[in-house]
C-alpha atoms as a PDB file:
ATOM      1  CA  MET A   1       1.024  28.792  -7.848  1.00  0.00           C
ATOM      2  CA  THR A   2      -1.442  28.009  -5.132  1.00  0.00           C
ATOM      3  CA  THR A   3      -0.355  27.414  -1.778  1.00  0.00           C
ATOM      4  CA  PHE A   4      -2.349  25.352   1.026  1.00  0.00           C
ATOM      5  CA  ASN A   5      -2.106  24.769   4.711  1.00  0.00           C
ATOM      6  CA  ILE A   6      -2.796  21.123   5.681  1.00  0.00           C
ATOM      7  CA  PRO A   7      -2.370  20.818   9.351  1.00  0.00           C
ATOM      8  CA  ASN A   8      -3.165  17.350   9.468  1.00  0.00           C
ATOM      9  CA  MET A   9      -0.147  16.363   7.179  1.00  0.00           C
ATOM     10  CA  SER A  10       2.727  15.091   9.364  1.00  0.00           C
ATOM     11  CA  CYS A  11       4.234  12.236   7.921  1.00  0.00           C
ATOM     12  CA  GLY A  12       5.497  10.272   4.575  1.00  0.00           C
ATOM     13  CA  HIS A  13       1.879   8.343   4.570  1.00  0.00           C
ATOM     14  CA  CYS A  14       0.261  11.659   4.912  1.00  0.00           C
ATOM     15  CA  LYS A  15       2.285  13.264   1.876  1.00  0.00           C
ATOM     16  CA  ALA A  16       1.661  10.066  -0.324  1.00  0.00           C
ATOM     17  CA  THR A  17      -2.244  10.423   0.374  1.00  0.00           C
ATOM     18  CA  VAL A  18      -2.057  14.188  -0.455  1.00  0.00           C
ATOM     19  CA  GLN A  19       0.035  13.735  -3.515  1.00  0.00           C
ATOM     20  CA  LYS A  20      -2.533  10.617  -4.625  1.00  0.00           C
ATOM     21  CA  THR A  21      -5.644  12.876  -4.083  1.00  0.00           C
ATOM     22  CA  ILE A  22      -4.450  15.686  -5.950  1.00  0.00           C
ATOM     23  CA  HIS A  23      -3.216  13.572  -8.818  1.00  0.00           C
ATOM     24  CA  ALA A  24      -6.552  11.746  -9.125  1.00  0.00           C
ATOM     25  CA  ILE A  25      -7.798  15.299 -10.126  1.00  0.00           C
ATOM     26  CA  ASP A  26      -5.072  16.457 -12.102  1.00  0.00           C
ATOM     27  CA  PRO A  27      -2.527  13.902 -13.119  1.00  0.00           C
ATOM     28  CA  GLU A  28      -0.097  16.687 -14.309  1.00  0.00           C
ATOM     29  CA  ALA A  29      -0.088  18.608 -11.175  1.00  0.00           C
ATOM     30  CA  GLN A  30       3.257  19.814  -9.743  1.00  0.00           C
ATOM     31  CA  ILE A  31       3.401  19.638  -5.878  1.00  0.00           C
ATOM     32  CA  GLU A  32       6.014  21.199  -3.533  1.00  0.00           C
ATOM     33  CA  PHE A  33       5.763  19.763   0.083  1.00  0.00           C
ATOM     34  CA  ASP A  34       6.998  21.723   3.185  1.00  0.00           C
ATOM     35  CA  MET A  35       6.442  18.998   5.896  1.00  0.00           C
ATOM     36  CA  ALA A  36       7.982  21.371   8.659  1.00  0.00           C
ATOM     37  CA  LEU A  37       5.323  23.842   7.880  1.00  0.00           C
ATOM     38  CA  ARG A  38       2.795  21.449   6.840  1.00  0.00           C
ATOM     39  CA  THR A  39       1.933  23.145   3.482  1.00  0.00           C
ATOM     40  CA  ILE A  40       1.899  22.457  -0.173  1.00  0.00           C
ATOM     41  CA  ALA A  41       2.560  24.667  -3.028  1.00  0.00           C
ATOM     42  CA  LEU A  42       1.211  23.495  -6.462  1.00  0.00           C
ATOM     43  CA  GLU A  43       0.722  24.240  -9.969  1.00  0.00           C
ATOM     44  CA  SER A  44      -2.592  22.632 -11.034  1.00  0.00           C
ATOM     45  CA  ARG A  45      -5.228  23.214 -13.659  1.00  0.00           C
ATOM     46  CA  ALA A  46      -7.790  22.092 -11.000  1.00  0.00           C
ATOM     47  CA  LYS A  47      -9.839  24.552  -9.289  1.00  0.00           C
ATOM     48  CA  PRO A  48      -8.700  25.155  -5.582  1.00  0.00           C
ATOM     49  CA  ASP A  49     -12.357  24.569  -4.360  1.00  0.00           C
ATOM     50  CA  ASN A  50     -12.226  21.227  -5.936  1.00  0.00           C
ATOM     51  CA  LEU A  51      -8.981  20.232  -4.586  1.00  0.00           C
ATOM     52  CA  GLN A  52     -10.061  21.414  -1.139  1.00  0.00           C
ATOM     53  CA  VAL A  53     -13.275  19.094  -1.278  1.00  0.00           C
ATOM     54  CA  ALA A  54     -11.069  16.354  -2.264  1.00  0.00           C
ATOM     55  CA  LEU A  55      -8.471  16.760   0.270  1.00  0.00           C
ATOM     56  CA  ALA A  56     -11.098  17.032   2.855  1.00  0.00           C
ATOM     57  CA  ALA A  57     -12.653  13.675   1.861  1.00  0.00           C
ATOM     58  CA  ALA A  58      -9.258  12.118   2.146  1.00  0.00           C
ATOM     59  CA  GLY A  59      -8.875  13.293   5.722  1.00  0.00           C
ATOM     60  CA  TYR A  60      -6.712  16.186   5.027  1.00  0.00           C
ATOM     61  CA  PRO A  61      -8.582  19.522   5.284  1.00  0.00           C
ATOM     62  CA  ALA A  62      -6.896  22.313   3.654  1.00  0.00           C
ATOM     63  CA  THR A  63      -7.007  26.121   3.753  1.00  0.00           C
ATOM     64  CA  LEU A  64      -5.552  28.542   1.067  1.00  0.00           C
ATOM     65  CA  ALA A  65      -2.550  30.237   2.643  1.00  0.00           C
END
């Protein structure tokens, strides 16, 4: 499981955008959101670097937790 900190993720719209961005790379990714901590934990076949690039392009820069 990979965990990312996403400080810009603060609402339901943010959550939907993050989910859509990740599923565009890996449709089978399983994502657990913690909106209070602004983190996601996910199981994905995609490389974390690729996910970070896509999230940043979507306006949600992420760092590995």
